[in-house]
PDB file of N, CA and C in Angstrom:
ATOM      1  N   MET A   1     -98.720  -8.341  89.829  1.00  0.00           N
ATOM      2  CA  MET A   1     -97.823  -7.249  90.124  1.00  0.00           C
ATOM      3  C   MET A   1     -98.604  -6.152  90.830  1.00  0.00           C
ATOM      4  N   PHE A   2     -97.893  -5.400  91.674  1.00  0.00           N
ATOM      5  CA  PHE A   2     -98.468  -4.328  92.461  1.00  0.00           C
ATOM      6  C   PHE A   2     -97.678  -3.052  92.179  1.00  0.00           C
ATOM      7  N   VAL A   3     -98.371  -1.934  92.055  1.00  0.00           N
ATOM      8  CA  VAL A   3     -97.748  -0.655  91.711  1.00  0.00           C
ATOM      9  C   VAL A   3     -98.102   0.392  92.754  1.00  0.00           C
ATOM     10  N   VAL A   4     -97.121   1.215  93.093  1.00  0.00           N
ATOM     11  CA  VAL A   4     -97.344   2.328  94.013  1.00  0.00           C
ATOM     12  C   VAL A   4     -96.880   3.609  93.319  1.00  0.00           C
ATOM     13  N   ILE A   5     -97.696   4.657  93.425  1.00  0.00           N
ATOM     14  CA  ILE A   5     -97.359   5.944  92.820  1.00  0.00           C
ATOM     15  C   ILE A   5     -97.169   6.963  93.938  1.00  0.00           C
ATOM     16  N   TYR A   6     -96.004   7.607  93.917  1.00  0.00           N
ATOM     17  CA  TYR A   6     -95.633   8.584  94.940  1.00  0.00           C
ATOM     18  C   TYR A   6     -95.527   9.978  94.334  1.00  0.00           C
ATOM     19  N   SER A   7     -95.735  10.985  95.175  1.00  0.00           N
ATOM     20  CA  SER A   7     -95.552  12.377  94.790  1.00  0.00           C
ATOM     21  C   SER A   7     -94.518  13.006  95.727  1.00  0.00           C
ATOM     22  N   PHE A   8     -93.603  13.779  95.146  1.00  0.00           N
ATOM     23  CA  PHE A   8     -92.563  14.464  95.922  1.00  0.00           C
ATOM     24  C   PHE A   8     -92.559  15.941  95.557  1.00  0.00           C
ATOM     25  N   GLN A   9     -92.759  16.802  96.527  1.00  0.00           N
ATOM     26  CA  GLN A   9     -92.579  18.243  96.344  1.00  0.00           C
ATOM     27  C   GLN A   9     -91.179  18.557  96.856  1.00  0.00           C
ATOM     28  N   VAL A  10     -90.319  19.022  95.961  1.00  0.00           N
ATOM     29  CA  VAL A  10     -88.913  19.238  96.289  1.00  0.00           C
ATOM     30  C   VAL A  10     -88.650  20.735  96.466  1.00  0.00           C
ATOM     31  N   LYS A  11     -87.821  21.050  97.451  1.00  0.00           N
ATOM     32  CA  LYS A  11     -87.449  22.442  97.699  1.00  0.00           C
ATOM     33  C   LYS A  11     -86.668  22.986  96.501  1.00  0.00           C
ATOM     34  N   PRO A  12     -86.896  24.254  96.161  1.00  0.00           N
ATOM     35  CA  PRO A  12     -86.085  24.864  95.096  1.00  0.00           C
ATOM     36  C   PRO A  12     -84.602  24.711  95.445  1.00  0.00           C
ATOM     37  N   ASP A  13     -83.779  24.484  94.471  1.00  0.00           N
ATOM     38  CA  ASP A  13     -82.328  24.300  94.617  1.00  0.00           C
ATOM     39  C   ASP A  13     -81.934  22.966  95.251  1.00  0.00           C
ATOM     40  N   TYR A  14     -82.879  22.063  95.483  1.00  0.00           N
ATOM     41  CA  TYR A  14     -82.577  20.744  96.044  1.00  0.00           C
ATOM     42  C   TYR A  14     -82.883  19.615  95.070  1.00  0.00           C
ATOM     43  N   THR A  15     -83.190  19.950  93.821  1.00  0.00           N
ATOM     44  CA  THR A  15     -83.596  18.900  92.881  1.00  0.00           C
ATOM     45  C   THR A  15     -82.466  17.905  92.600  1.00  0.00           C
ATOM     46  N   ALA A  16     -81.242  18.375  92.463  1.00  0.00           N
ATOM     47  CA  ALA A  16     -80.123  17.456  92.206  1.00  0.00           C
ATOM     48  C   ALA A  16     -79.909  16.528  93.395  1.00  0.00           C
ATOM     49  N   GLN A  17     -79.971  17.068  94.615  1.00  0.00           N
ATOM     50  CA  GLN A  17     -79.833  16.246  95.825  1.00  0.00           C
ATOM     51  C   GLN A  17     -80.946  15.209  95.888  1.00  0.00           C
ATOM     52  N   PHE A  18     -82.169  15.641  95.607  1.00  0.00           N
ATOM     53  CA  PHE A  18     -83.299  14.720  95.635  1.00  0.00           C
ATOM     54  C   PHE A  18     -83.122  13.598  94.609  1.00  0.00           C
ATOM     55  N   GLU A  19     -82.806  13.956  93.366  1.00  0.00           N
ATOM     56  CA  GLU A  19     -82.670  12.946  92.310  1.00  0.00           C
ATOM     57  C   GLU A  19     -81.578  11.932  92.638  1.00  0.00           C
ATOM     58  N   LYS A  20     -80.465  12.405  93.163  1.00  0.00           N
ATOM     59  CA  LYS A  20     -79.364  11.505  93.530  1.00  0.00           C
ATOM     60  C   LYS A  20     -79.799  10.568  94.663  1.00  0.00           C
ATOM     61  N   ALA A  21     -80.451  11.111  95.677  1.00  0.00           N
ATOM     62  CA  ALA A  21     -80.898  10.293  96.817  1.00  0.00           C
ATOM     63  C   ALA A  21     -81.982   9.308  96.381  1.00  0.00           C
ATOM     64  N   TRP A  22     -82.934   9.773  95.560  1.00  0.00           N
ATOM     65  CA  TRP A  22     -83.992   8.876  95.086  1.00  0.00           C
ATOM     66  C   TRP A  22     -83.391   7.697  94.343  1.00  0.00           C
ATOM     67  N   GLN A  23     -82.436   7.959  93.460  1.00  0.00           N
ATOM     68  CA  GLN A  23     -81.830   6.882  92.690  1.00  0.00           C
ATOM     69  C   GLN A  23     -81.077   5.906  93.594  1.00  0.00           C
ATOM     70  N   ALA A  24     -80.291   6.412  94.517  1.00  0.00           N
ATOM     71  CA  ALA A  24     -79.515   5.547  95.413  1.00  0.00           C
ATOM     72  C   ALA A  24     -80.435   4.691  96.279  1.00  0.00           C
ATOM     73  N   LEU A  25     -81.490   5.288  96.824  1.00  0.00           N
ATOM     74  CA  LEU A  25     -82.419   4.537  97.665  1.00  0.00           C
ATOM     75  C   LEU A  25     -83.199   3.512  96.847  1.00  0.00           C
ATOM     76  N   THR A  26     -83.605   3.879  95.657  1.00  0.00           N
ATOM     77  CA  THR A  26     -84.345   2.962  94.794  1.00  0.00           C
ATOM     78  C   THR A  26     -83.502   1.732  94.447  1.00  0.00           C
ATOM     79  N   VAL A  27     -82.225   1.933  94.164  1.00  0.00           N
ATOM     80  CA  VAL A  27     -81.345   0.801  93.858  1.00  0.00           C
ATOM     81  C   VAL A  27     -81.229  -0.116  95.080  1.00  0.00           C
ATOM     82  N   LEU A  28     -81.078   0.453  96.269  1.00  0.00           N
ATOM     83  CA  LEU A  28     -80.991  -0.376  97.478  1.00  0.00           C
ATOM     84  C   LEU A  28     -82.286  -1.150  97.720  1.00  0.00           C
ATOM     85  N   ILE A  29     -83.417  -0.504  97.507  1.00  0.00           N
ATOM     86  CA  ILE A  29     -84.710  -1.182  97.687  1.00  0.00           C
ATOM     87  C   ILE A  29     -84.831  -2.325  96.679  1.00  0.00           C
ATOM     88  N   TYR A  30     -84.399  -2.090  95.457  1.00  0.00           N
ATOM     89  CA  TYR A  30     -84.413  -3.130  94.424  1.00  0.00           C
ATOM     90  C   TYR A  30     -83.514  -4.306  94.830  1.00  0.00           C
ATOM     91  N   GLU A  31     -82.326  -3.998  95.304  1.00  0.00           N
ATOM     92  CA  GLU A  31     -81.358  -5.037  95.641  1.00  0.00           C
ATOM     93  C   GLU A  31     -81.694  -5.816  96.914  1.00  0.00           C
ATOM     94  N   HIS A  32     -82.350  -5.168  97.888  1.00  0.00           N
ATOM     95  CA  HIS A  32     -82.521  -5.784  99.208  1.00  0.00           C
ATOM     96  C   HIS A  32     -83.962  -6.093  99.617  1.00  0.00           C
ATOM     97  N   GLU A  33     -84.931  -5.482  98.964  1.00  0.00           N
ATOM     98  CA  GLU A  33     -86.309  -5.597  99.448  1.00  0.00           C
ATOM     99  C   GLU A  33     -87.272  -6.304  98.500  1.00  0.00           C
ATOM    100  N   GLY A  34     -86.813  -6.714  97.332  1.00  0.00           N
ATOM    101  CA  GLY A  34     -87.702  -7.430  96.419  1.00  0.00           C
ATOM    102  C   GLY A  34     -88.489  -6.545  95.479  1.00  0.00           C
ATOM    103  N   SER A  35     -88.158  -5.262  95.426  1.00  0.00           N
ATOM    104  CA  SER A  35     -88.798  -4.352  94.477  1.00  0.00           C
ATOM    105  C   SER A  35     -88.445  -4.755  93.052  1.00  0.00           C
ATOM    106  N   MET A  36     -89.308  -4.416  92.135  1.00  0.00           N
ATOM    107  CA  MET A  36     -89.058  -4.673  90.718  1.00  0.00           C
ATOM    108  C   MET A  36     -88.527  -3.418  90.029  1.00  0.00           C
ATOM    109  N   GLY A  37     -88.244  -2.379  90.808  1.00  0.00           N
ATOM    110  CA  GLY A  37     -87.706  -1.141  90.268  1.00  0.00           C
ATOM    111  C   GLY A  37     -88.724  -0.021  90.255  1.00  0.00           C
ATOM    112  N   SER A  38     -88.292   1.128  89.789  1.00  0.00           N
ATOM    113  CA  SER A  38     -89.130   2.319  89.828  1.00  0.00           C
ATOM    114  C   SER A  38     -88.731   3.269  88.709  1.00  0.00           C
ATOM    115  N   ARG A  39     -89.639   4.162  88.385  1.00  0.00           N
ATOM    116  CA  ARG A  39     -89.387   5.223  87.414  1.00  0.00           C
ATOM    117  C   ARG A  39     -89.677   6.555  88.095  1.00  0.00           C
ATOM    118  N   LEU A  40     -88.836   7.551  87.815  1.00  0.00           N
ATOM    119  CA  LEU A  40     -89.041   8.887  88.367  1.00  0.00           C
ATOM    120  C   LEU A  40     -89.389   9.829  87.223  1.00  0.00           C
ATOM    121  N   HIS A  41     -90.445  10.597  87.420  1.00  0.00           N
ATOM    122  CA  HIS A  41     -90.916  11.555  86.408  1.00  0.00           C
ATOM    123  C   HIS A  41     -90.930  12.950  87.029  1.00  0.00           C
ATOM    124  N   LYS A  42     -90.657  13.953  86.213  1.00  0.00           N
ATOM    125  CA  LYS A  42     -90.693  15.335  86.671  1.00  0.00           C
ATOM    126  C   LYS A  42     -91.941  16.000  86.102  1.00  0.00           C
ATOM    127  N   LYS A  43     -92.830  16.432  86.999  1.00  0.00           N
ATOM    128  CA  LYS A  43     -94.072  17.081  86.580  1.00  0.00           C
ATOM    129  C   LYS A  43     -93.835  18.557  86.275  1.00  0.00           C
ATOM    130  N   ASP A  44     -93.092  19.221  87.136  1.00  0.00           N
ATOM    131  CA  ASP A  44     -92.668  20.597  86.906  1.00  0.00           C
ATOM    132  C   ASP A  44     -91.377  20.819  87.680  1.00  0.00           C
ATOM    133  N   ALA A  45     -90.940  22.059  87.810  1.00  0.00           N
ATOM    134  CA  ALA A  45     -89.611  22.354  88.369  1.00  0.00           C
ATOM    135  C   ALA A  45     -89.339  21.683  89.714  1.00  0.00           C
ATOM    136  N   CYS A  46     -90.341  21.586  90.571  1.00  0.00           N
ATOM    137  CA  CYS A  46     -90.123  21.050  91.918  1.00  0.00           C
ATOM    138  C   CYS A  46     -91.082  19.928  92.294  1.00  0.00           C
ATOM    139  N   HIS A  47     -91.762  19.353  91.330  1.00  0.00           N
ATOM    140  CA  HIS A  47     -92.734  18.291  91.612  1.00  0.00           C
ATOM    141  C   HIS A  47     -92.384  17.052  90.803  1.00  0.00           C
ATOM    142  N   TYR A  48     -92.156  15.964  91.532  1.00  0.00           N
ATOM    143  CA  TYR A  48     -91.808  14.690  90.913  1.00  0.00           C
ATOM    144  C   TYR A  48     -92.870  13.643  91.238  1.00  0.00           C
ATOM    145  N   ILE A  49     -93.029  12.708  90.320  1.00  0.00           N
ATOM    146  CA  ILE A  49     -93.910  11.554  90.504  1.00  0.00           C
ATOM    147  C   ILE A  49     -93.068  10.300  90.280  1.00  0.00           C
ATOM    148  N   ALA A  50     -93.164   9.337  91.189  1.00  0.00           N
ATOM    149  CA  ALA A  50     -92.444   8.070  91.031  1.00  0.00           C
ATOM    150  C   ALA A  50     -93.452   6.936  90.932  1.00  0.00           C
ATOM    151  N   TYR A  51     -93.127   5.982  90.088  1.00  0.00           N
ATOM    152  CA  TYR A  51     -93.942   4.805  89.826  1.00  0.00           C
ATOM    153  C   TYR A  51     -93.086   3.602  90.206  1.00  0.00           C
ATOM    154  N   ALA A  52     -93.468   2.880  91.260  1.00  0.00           N
ATOM    155  CA  ALA A  52     -92.680   1.744  91.741  1.00  0.00           C
ATOM    156  C   ALA A  52     -93.446   0.444  91.541  1.00  0.00           C
ATOM    157  N   GLN A  53     -92.735  -0.585  91.077  1.00  0.00           N
ATOM    158  CA  GLN A  53     -93.366  -1.892  90.847  1.00  0.00           C
ATOM    159  C   GLN A  53     -92.876  -2.888  91.894  1.00  0.00           C
ATOM    160  N   TRP A  54     -93.809  -3.721  92.326  1.00  0.00           N
ATOM    161  CA  TRP A  54     -93.545  -4.768  93.310  1.00  0.00           C
ATOM    162  C   TRP A  54     -94.202  -6.060  92.832  1.00  0.00           C
ATOM    163  N   PRO A  55     -93.700  -7.204  93.247  1.00  0.00           N
ATOM    164  CA  PRO A  55     -94.331  -8.451  92.825  1.00  0.00           C
ATOM    165  C   PRO A  55     -95.752  -8.595  93.375  1.00  0.00           C
ATOM    166  N   ASN A  56     -95.990  -8.014  94.578  1.00  0.00           N
ATOM    167  CA  ASN A  56     -97.310  -8.079  95.200  1.00  0.00           C
ATOM    168  C   ASN A  56     -97.384  -7.068  96.345  1.00  0.00           C
ATOM    169  N   ARG A  57     -98.589  -6.821  96.835  1.00  0.00           N
ATOM    170  CA  ARG A  57     -98.810  -5.858  97.917  1.00  0.00           C
ATOM    171  C   ARG A  57     -98.055  -6.260  99.182  1.00  0.00           C
ATOM    172  N   GLU A  58     -98.036  -7.533  99.497  1.00  0.00           N
ATOM    173  CA  GLU A  58     -97.393  -8.018 100.722  1.00  0.00           C
ATOM    174  C   GLU A  58     -95.899  -7.681 100.745  1.00  0.00           C
ATOM    175  N   THR A  59     -95.214  -7.885  99.632  1.00  0.00           N
ATOM    176  CA  THR A  59     -93.781  -7.569  99.560  1.00  0.00           C
ATOM    177  C   THR A  59     -93.564  -6.081  99.803  1.00  0.00           C
ATOM    178  N   TRP A  60     -94.414  -5.242  99.205  1.00  0.00           N
ATOM    179  CA  TRP A  60     -94.306  -3.788  99.408  1.00  0.00           C
ATOM    180  C   TRP A  60     -94.558  -3.421 100.866  1.00  0.00           C
ATOM    181  N   LYS A  61     -95.629  -3.950 101.447  1.00  0.00           N
ATOM    182  CA  LYS A  61     -95.980  -3.628 102.841  1.00  0.00           C
ATOM    183  C   LYS A  61     -94.879  -4.040 103.812  1.00  0.00           C
ATOM    184  N   ASN A  62     -94.194  -5.160 103.527  1.00  0.00           N
ATOM    185  CA  ASN A  62     -93.163  -5.674 104.425  1.00  0.00           C
ATOM    186  C   ASN A  62     -91.773  -5.115 104.127  1.00  0.00           C
ATOM    187  N   SER A  63     -91.659  -4.221 103.174  1.00  0.00           N
ATOM    188  CA  SER A  63     -90.343  -3.687 102.809  1.00  0.00           C
ATOM    189  C   SER A  63     -89.849  -2.686 103.853  1.00  0.00           C
ATOM    190  N   GLY A  64     -88.543  -2.494 103.842  1.00  0.00           N
ATOM    191  CA  GLY A  64     -87.924  -1.510 104.734  1.00  0.00           C
ATOM    192  C   GLY A  64     -87.081  -2.121 105.837  1.00  0.00           C
ATOM    193  N   THR A  65     -87.201  -3.426 106.038  1.00  0.00           N
ATOM    194  CA  THR A  65     -86.485  -4.063 107.151  1.00  0.00           C
ATOM    195  C   THR A  65     -85.164  -4.692 106.734  1.00  0.00           C
ATOM    196  N   LYS A  66     -84.930  -4.832 105.444  1.00  0.00           N
ATOM    197  CA  LYS A  66     -83.729  -5.530 104.965  1.00  0.00           C
ATOM    198  C   LYS A  66     -82.689  -4.589 104.369  1.00  0.00           C
ATOM    199  N   LEU A  67     -82.926  -3.299 104.444  1.00  0.00           N
ATOM    200  CA  LEU A  67     -81.998  -2.339 103.849  1.00  0.00           C
ATOM    201  C   LEU A  67     -80.725  -2.213 104.681  1.00  0.00           C
ATOM    202  N   PRO A  68     -79.591  -1.979 104.015  1.00  0.00           N
ATOM    203  CA  PRO A  68     -78.359  -1.744 104.769  1.00  0.00           C
ATOM    204  C   PRO A  68     -78.430  -0.407 105.507  1.00  0.00           C
ATOM    205  N   SER A  69     -77.567  -0.230 106.484  1.00  0.00           N
ATOM    206  CA  SER A  69     -77.606   0.975 107.318  1.00  0.00           C
ATOM    207  C   SER A  69     -77.416   2.260 106.511  1.00  0.00           C
ATOM    208  N   GLU A  70     -76.699   2.196 105.390  1.00  0.00           N
ATOM    209  CA  GLU A  70     -76.494   3.388 104.567  1.00  0.00           C
ATOM    210  C   GLU A  70     -77.807   3.975 104.039  1.00  0.00           C
ATOM    211  N   ALA A  71     -78.850   3.163 103.989  1.00  0.00           N
ATOM    212  CA  ALA A  71     -80.154   3.644 103.500  1.00  0.00           C
ATOM    213  C   ALA A  71     -80.727   4.726 104.407  1.00  0.00           C
ATOM    214  N   ASN A  72     -80.425   4.667 105.694  1.00  0.00           N
ATOM    215  CA  ASN A  72     -80.945   5.681 106.624  1.00  0.00           C
ATOM    216  C   ASN A  72     -80.456   7.078 106.262  1.00  0.00           C
ATOM    217  N   GLN A  73     -79.177   7.208 105.944  1.00  0.00           N
ATOM    218  CA  GLN A  73     -78.620   8.506 105.556  1.00  0.00           C
ATOM    219  C   GLN A  73     -79.231   8.986 104.235  1.00  0.00           C
ATOM    220  N   ILE A  74     -79.395   8.070 103.303  1.00  0.00           N
ATOM    221  CA  ILE A  74     -79.974   8.429 102.002  1.00  0.00           C
ATOM    222  C   ILE A  74     -81.422   8.892 102.184  1.00  0.00           C
ATOM    223  N   ARG A  75     -82.180   8.190 103.017  1.00  0.00           N
ATOM    224  CA  ARG A  75     -83.569   8.607 103.303  1.00  0.00           C
ATOM    225  C   ARG A  75     -83.604  10.009 103.879  1.00  0.00           C
ATOM    226  N   GLU A  76     -82.699  10.296 104.810  1.00  0.00           N
ATOM    227  CA  GLU A  76     -82.661  11.627 105.425  1.00  0.00           C
ATOM    228  C   GLU A  76     -82.348  12.702 104.387  1.00  0.00           C
ATOM    229  N   GLU A  77     -81.409  12.418 103.487  1.00  0.00           N
ATOM    230  CA  GLU A  77     -81.085  13.380 102.428  1.00  0.00           C
ATOM    231  C   GLU A  77     -82.301  13.640 101.542  1.00  0.00           C
ATOM    232  N   MET A  78     -83.033  12.583 101.248  1.00  0.00           N
ATOM    233  CA  MET A  78     -84.225  12.725 100.418  1.00  0.00           C
ATOM    234  C   MET A  78     -85.300  13.529 101.154  1.00  0.00           C
ATOM    235  N   LYS A  79     -85.525  13.214 102.423  1.00  0.00           N
ATOM    236  CA  LYS A  79     -86.525  13.947 103.209  1.00  0.00           C
ATOM    237  C   LYS A  79     -86.162  15.422 103.338  1.00  0.00           C
ATOM    238  N   LEU A  80     -84.880  15.703 103.564  1.00  0.00           N
ATOM    239  CA  LEU A  80     -84.445  17.091 103.695  1.00  0.00           C
ATOM    240  C   LEU A  80     -84.633  17.885 102.411  1.00  0.00           C
ATOM    241  N   ALA A  81     -84.600  17.205 101.276  1.00  0.00           N
ATOM    242  CA  ALA A  81     -84.775  17.875  99.980  1.00  0.00           C
ATOM    243  C   ALA A  81     -86.243  18.160  99.667  1.00  0.00           C
ATOM    244  N   CYS A  82     -87.153  17.541 100.410  1.00  0.00           N
ATOM    245  CA  CYS A  82     -88.584  17.634 100.096  1.00  0.00           C
ATOM    246  C   CYS A  82     -89.362  18.459 101.109  1.00  0.00           C
ATOM    247  N   THR A  83     -90.431  19.085 100.622  1.00  0.00           N
ATOM    248  CA  THR A  83     -91.383  19.729 101.515  1.00  0.00           C
ATOM    249  C   THR A  83     -92.587  18.817 101.761  1.00  0.00           C
ATOM    250  N   LYS A  84     -92.795  17.857 100.857  1.00  0.00           N
ATOM    251  CA  LYS A  84     -93.921  16.932 101.000  1.00  0.00           C
ATOM    252  C   LYS A  84     -93.640  15.655 100.230  1.00  0.00           C
ATOM    253  N   ILE A  85     -93.904  14.519 100.883  1.00  0.00           N
ATOM    254  CA  ILE A  85     -93.801  13.205 100.248  1.00  0.00           C
ATOM    255  C   ILE A  85     -95.106  12.482 100.548  1.00  0.00           C
ATOM    256  N   GLU A  86     -95.766  11.984  99.513  1.00  0.00           N
ATOM    257  CA  GLU A  86     -97.000  11.255  99.764  1.00  0.00           C
ATOM    258  C   GLU A  86     -97.183  10.090  98.797  1.00  0.00           C
ATOM    259  N   THR A  87     -97.884   9.079  99.275  1.00  0.00           N
ATOM    260  CA  THR A  87     -98.281   7.948  98.447  1.00  0.00           C
ATOM    261  C   THR A  87     -99.625   8.299  97.837  1.00  0.00           C
ATOM    262  N   LEU A  88     -99.680   8.407  96.523  1.00  0.00           N
ATOM    263  CA  LEU A  88    -100.915   8.798  95.845  1.00  0.00           C
ATOM    264  C   LEU A  88    -101.827   7.612  95.576  1.00  0.00           C
ATOM    265  N   HIS A  89    -101.239   6.493  95.122  1.00  0.00           N
ATOM    266  CA  HIS A  89    -102.050   5.345  94.727  1.00  0.00           C
ATOM    267  C   HIS A  89    -101.336   4.041  95.031  1.00  0.00           C
ATOM    268  N   GLU A  90    -102.114   3.035  95.391  1.00  0.00           N
ATOM    269  CA  GLU A  90    -101.662   1.654  95.536  1.00  0.00           C
ATOM    270  C   GLU A  90    -102.540   0.848  94.578  1.00  0.00           C
ATOM    271  N   LEU A  91    -101.930   0.232  93.553  1.00  0.00           N
ATOM    272  CA  LEU A  91    -102.699  -0.334  92.447  1.00  0.00           C
ATOM    273  C   LEU A  91    -102.287  -1.762  92.111  1.00  0.00           C
ATOM    274  N   GLU A  92    -103.255  -2.607  91.845  1.00  0.00           N
ATOM    275  CA  GLU A  92    -102.995  -3.951  91.318  1.00  0.00           C
ATOM    276  C   GLU A  92    -102.888  -3.837  89.802  1.00  0.00           C
ATOM    277  N   LEU A  93    -101.857  -4.427  89.234  1.00  0.00           N
ATOM    278  CA  LEU A  93    -101.658  -4.387  87.786  1.00  0.00           C
ATOM    279  C   LEU A  93    -102.576  -5.394  87.099  1.00  0.00           C
ATOM    280  N   ILE A  94    -103.266  -4.956  86.062  1.00  0.00           N
ATOM    281  CA  ILE A  94    -104.157  -5.807  85.282  1.00  0.00           C
ATOM    282  C   ILE A  94    -103.468  -6.296  84.013  1.00  0.00           C
ATOM    283  N   ASP A  95    -102.719  -5.393  83.337  1.00  0.00           N
ATOM    284  CA  ASP A  95    -102.040  -5.757  82.100  1.00  0.00           C
ATOM    285  C   ASP A  95    -100.804  -4.893  81.967  1.00  0.00           C
ATOM    286  N   ASP A  96     -99.752  -5.412  81.360  1.00  0.00           N
ATOM    287  CA  ASP A  96     -98.486  -4.689  81.242  1.00  0.00           C
ATOM    288  C   ASP A  96     -97.977  -4.776  79.807  1.00  0.00           C
ATOM    289  N   LEU A  97     -97.953  -3.651  79.113  1.00  0.00           N
ATOM    290  CA  LEU A  97     -97.458  -3.608  77.743  1.00  0.00           C
ATOM    291  C   LEU A  97     -96.241  -2.693  77.611  1.00  0.00           C
ATOM    292  N   LEU A  98     -95.576  -2.361  78.750  1.00  0.00           N
ATOM    293  CA  LEU A  98     -94.381  -1.541  78.709  1.00  0.00           C
ATOM    294  C   LEU A  98     -93.139  -2.372  78.389  1.00  0.00           C
ATOM    295  N   LYS A  99     -92.262  -1.814  77.612  1.00  0.00           N
ATOM    296  CA  LYS A  99     -90.947  -2.408  77.405  1.00  0.00           C
ATOM    297  C   LYS A  99     -90.109  -1.955  78.606  1.00  0.00           C
ATOM    298  N   THR A 100     -89.436  -2.876  79.281  1.00  0.00           N
ATOM    299  CA  THR A 100     -88.753  -2.508  80.526  1.00  0.00           C
ATOM    300  C   THR A 100     -87.245  -2.547  80.411  1.00  0.00           C
ATOM    301  N   LYS A 101     -86.613  -1.738  81.248  1.00  0.00           N
ATOM    302  CA  LYS A 101     -85.161  -1.702  81.390  1.00  0.00           C
ATOM    303  C   LYS A 101     -84.825  -2.397  82.706  1.00  0.00           C
ATOM    304  N   ARG A 102     -83.866  -3.241  82.716  1.00  0.00           N
ATOM    305  CA  ARG A 102     -83.474  -3.965  83.919  1.00  0.00           C
ATOM    306  C   ARG A 102     -82.204  -3.376  84.507  1.00  0.00           C
ATOM    307  N   PHE A 103     -82.071  -3.467  85.825  1.00  0.00           N
ATOM    308  CA  PHE A 103     -80.867  -3.021  86.521  1.00  0.00           C
ATOM    309  C   PHE A 103     -79.698  -3.963  86.238  1.00  0.00           C
ATOM    310  N   GLU A 104     -79.982  -5.195  85.886  1.00  0.00           N
ATOM    311  CA  GLU A 104     -78.955  -6.233  85.770  1.00  0.00           C
ATOM    312  C   GLU A 104     -78.055  -6.033  84.574  1.00  0.00           C
TER     313      GLU A 104
END
């Protein structure tokens, strides 16, 4: 398994828009791109951290081409809500002891 950790700095008063867009885009990525899902964490009022799981690095690197056209609008809404989006870490999973929730 492969894990990617993202950081999002969200504009004040845009947190609800960001959370809604993040969730909608994450579901589409899960359904169309082979993602294993993601978790969103709030560090403080305007700083979020997301943890995304993938079966492997290759699937993650090749993602983005199978999304439906509606994903473009959702991405724009998410970008407009943020002042900064960055990938903090790309990690190979060694062991997994988390109890997981499935979309299914």
